[in-house]
C-alpha atoms as a PDB file:
ATOM      1  CA  UNK A   1     -18.710   8.026   3.209  1.00  0.00           C
ATOM      2  CA  UNK A   2     -15.830   5.608   3.281  1.00  0.00           C
ATOM      3  CA  UNK A   3     -15.333   2.292   5.002  1.00  0.00           C
ATOM      4  CA  UNK A   4     -11.809   3.234   6.130  1.00  0.00           C
ATOM      5  CA  UNK A   5     -12.224   6.892   7.086  1.00  0.00           C
ATOM      6  CA  UNK A   6     -14.958   9.443   6.554  1.00  0.00           C
ATOM      7  CA  UNK A   7     -13.900  10.180   2.972  1.00  0.00           C
ATOM      8  CA  UNK A   8     -11.934   7.118   1.872  1.00  0.00           C
ATOM      9  CA  UNK A   9     -12.612   3.494   1.082  1.00  0.00           C
ATOM     10  CA  UNK A  10     -10.057   0.761   1.617  1.00  0.00           C
ATOM     11  CA  UNK A  11     -10.292  -0.092  -2.096  1.00  0.00           C
ATOM     12  CA  UNK A  12      -8.856   3.334  -3.023  1.00  0.00           C
ATOM     13  CA  UNK A  13      -5.568   2.290  -1.406  1.00  0.00           C
ATOM     14  CA  UNK A  14      -5.428  -1.155  -3.081  1.00  0.00           C
ATOM     15  CA  UNK A  15      -2.786  -2.294  -5.561  1.00  0.00           C
ATOM     16  CA  UNK A  16      -4.272  -1.847  -9.047  1.00  0.00           C
ATOM     17  CA  UNK A  17      -2.836  -5.084 -10.425  1.00  0.00           C
ATOM     18  CA  UNK A  18      -3.781  -7.549  -7.702  1.00  0.00           C
ATOM     19  CA  UNK A  19      -5.929  -5.774  -5.094  1.00  0.00           C
ATOM     20  CA  UNK A  20      -3.376  -6.164  -2.270  1.00  0.00           C
ATOM     21  CA  UNK A  21      -4.345  -3.837   0.536  1.00  0.00           C
ATOM     22  CA  UNK A  22      -2.234  -3.278   3.606  1.00  0.00           C
ATOM     23  CA  UNK A  23      -3.090   0.362   4.222  1.00  0.00           C
ATOM     24  CA  UNK A  24      -1.805   1.573   7.555  1.00  0.00           C
ATOM     25  CA  UNK A  25      -4.501   3.046   9.811  1.00  0.00           C
ATOM     26  CA  UNK A  26      -2.052   5.849  10.671  1.00  0.00           C
ATOM     27  CA  UNK A  27      -1.582   6.696   6.977  1.00  0.00           C
ATOM     28  CA  UNK A  28      -5.338   6.667   6.399  1.00  0.00           C
ATOM     29  CA  UNK A  29      -5.814   8.974   9.381  1.00  0.00           C
ATOM     30  CA  UNK A  30      -3.280  11.496   8.055  1.00  0.00           C
ATOM     31  CA  UNK A  31      -4.719  11.496   4.528  1.00  0.00           C
ATOM     32  CA  UNK A  32      -8.141  12.107   6.075  1.00  0.00           C
ATOM     33  CA  UNK A  33      -6.714  15.032   8.080  1.00  0.00           C
ATOM     34  CA  UNK A  34      -5.289  16.522   4.868  1.00  0.00           C
ATOM     35  CA  UNK A  35      -8.632  16.041   3.093  1.00  0.00           C
ATOM     36  CA  UNK A  36     -10.460  17.806   5.923  1.00  0.00           C
ATOM     37  CA  UNK A  37      -7.889  20.626   6.029  1.00  0.00           C
ATOM     38  CA  UNK A  38      -8.083  21.486   2.321  1.00  0.00           C
ATOM     39  CA  UNK A  39     -11.801  20.713   1.974  1.00  0.00           C
ATOM     40  CA  UNK A  40     -11.504  19.322  -1.564  1.00  0.00           C
ATOM     41  CA  UNK A  41     -11.511  15.709  -2.759  1.00  0.00           C
ATOM     42  CA  UNK A  42      -8.195  13.860  -2.752  1.00  0.00           C
ATOM     43  CA  UNK A  43      -7.332  11.205  -5.297  1.00  0.00           C
ATOM     44  CA  UNK A  44      -5.192   8.301  -4.094  1.00  0.00           C
ATOM     45  CA  UNK A  45      -2.949   7.861  -7.147  1.00  0.00           C
ATOM     46  CA  UNK A  46      -0.927   5.044  -5.607  1.00  0.00           C
ATOM     47  CA  UNK A  47      -1.445   3.348  -2.266  1.00  0.00           C
ATOM     48  CA  UNK A  48      -0.439  -0.210  -1.443  1.00  0.00           C
ATOM     49  CA  UNK A  49       1.735  -1.859  -4.086  1.00  0.00           C
ATOM     50  CA  UNK A  50       2.666  -5.493  -4.513  1.00  0.00           C
ATOM     51  CA  UNK A  51       6.317  -6.172  -5.374  1.00  0.00           C
ATOM     52  CA  UNK A  52       5.494  -6.721  -9.057  1.00  0.00           C
ATOM     53  CA  UNK A  53       3.599  -3.443  -9.425  1.00  0.00           C
ATOM     54  CA  UNK A  54       6.210  -1.549  -7.417  1.00  0.00           C
ATOM     55  CA  UNK A  55       8.887  -2.762  -9.817  1.00  0.00           C
ATOM     56  CA  UNK A  56       6.725  -1.883 -12.854  1.00  0.00           C
ATOM     57  CA  UNK A  57       6.317   1.730 -11.700  1.00  0.00           C
ATOM     58  CA  UNK A  58       9.981   2.116 -10.818  1.00  0.00           C
ATOM     59  CA  UNK A  59       9.536   2.065  -7.061  1.00  0.00           C
ATOM     60  CA  UNK A  60      12.521   1.422  -4.850  1.00  0.00           C
ATOM     61  CA  UNK A  61      12.837  -2.138  -3.505  1.00  0.00           C
ATOM     62  CA  UNK A  62      12.114  -1.060   0.076  1.00  0.00           C
ATOM     63  CA  UNK A  63       9.274   1.347  -0.834  1.00  0.00           C
ATOM     64  CA  UNK A  64       6.894   2.264   1.964  1.00  0.00           C
ATOM     65  CA  UNK A  65       4.064   1.504  -0.492  1.00  0.00           C
ATOM     66  CA  UNK A  66       4.848  -2.224  -0.102  1.00  0.00           C
ATOM     67  CA  UNK A  67       3.785  -2.166   3.535  1.00  0.00           C
ATOM     68  CA  UNK A  68       0.889   0.254   3.105  1.00  0.00           C
ATOM     69  CA  UNK A  69       2.730   3.148   4.751  1.00  0.00           C
ATOM     70  CA  UNK A  70       2.723   5.545   1.763  1.00  0.00           C
ATOM     71  CA  UNK A  71       0.239   7.068  -0.633  1.00  0.00           C
ATOM     72  CA  UNK A  72       0.759   9.320  -3.616  1.00  0.00           C
ATOM     73  CA  UNK A  73      -2.102  11.821  -3.690  1.00  0.00           C
ATOM     74  CA  UNK A  74      -3.441  14.667  -5.807  1.00  0.00           C
ATOM     75  CA  UNK A  75      -6.093  17.272  -5.118  1.00  0.00           C
ATOM     76  CA  UNK A  76      -7.970  19.518  -7.525  1.00  0.00           C
ATOM     77  CA  UNK A  77      -6.639  23.057  -7.381  1.00  0.00           C
ATOM     78  CA  UNK A  78      -3.383  22.058  -5.652  1.00  0.00           C
ATOM     79  CA  UNK A  79       0.007  21.701  -7.267  1.00  0.00           C
ATOM     80  CA  UNK A  80       2.359  19.123  -5.819  1.00  0.00           C
ATOM     81  CA  UNK A  81       4.259  21.911  -4.063  1.00  0.00           C
ATOM     82  CA  UNK A  82       1.117  23.471  -2.579  1.00  0.00           C
ATOM     83  CA  UNK A  83      -0.136  20.111  -1.363  1.00  0.00           C
ATOM     84  CA  UNK A  84       3.292  19.394   0.101  1.00  0.00           C
ATOM     85  CA  UNK A  85       3.113  22.629   2.114  1.00  0.00           C
ATOM     86  CA  UNK A  86      -0.248  21.545   3.563  1.00  0.00           C
ATOM     87  CA  UNK A  87       1.210  18.161   4.477  1.00  0.00           C
ATOM     88  CA  UNK A  88       4.242  19.707   6.171  1.00  0.00           C
ATOM     89  CA  UNK A  89       2.185  22.242   8.135  1.00  0.00           C
END
């Protein structure tokens, strides 16, 4: 059980270098919907990023990660393309 949604904790969305966390409730809701749809654990690879970390990973200066509106995710058994199809459905 998570403290943000049923399956996710706020910490999973935090910037790895400084702990900044601005995760959007709308984003968290949609990631939870995806998790429920595919019925396998999702790993939040990158959630909120501070400006320093965003620059280090090659993020664009106006990245949605800076405001907590984006998350890079993976799921066991799903390629990026397959997961993208679930997201678009």
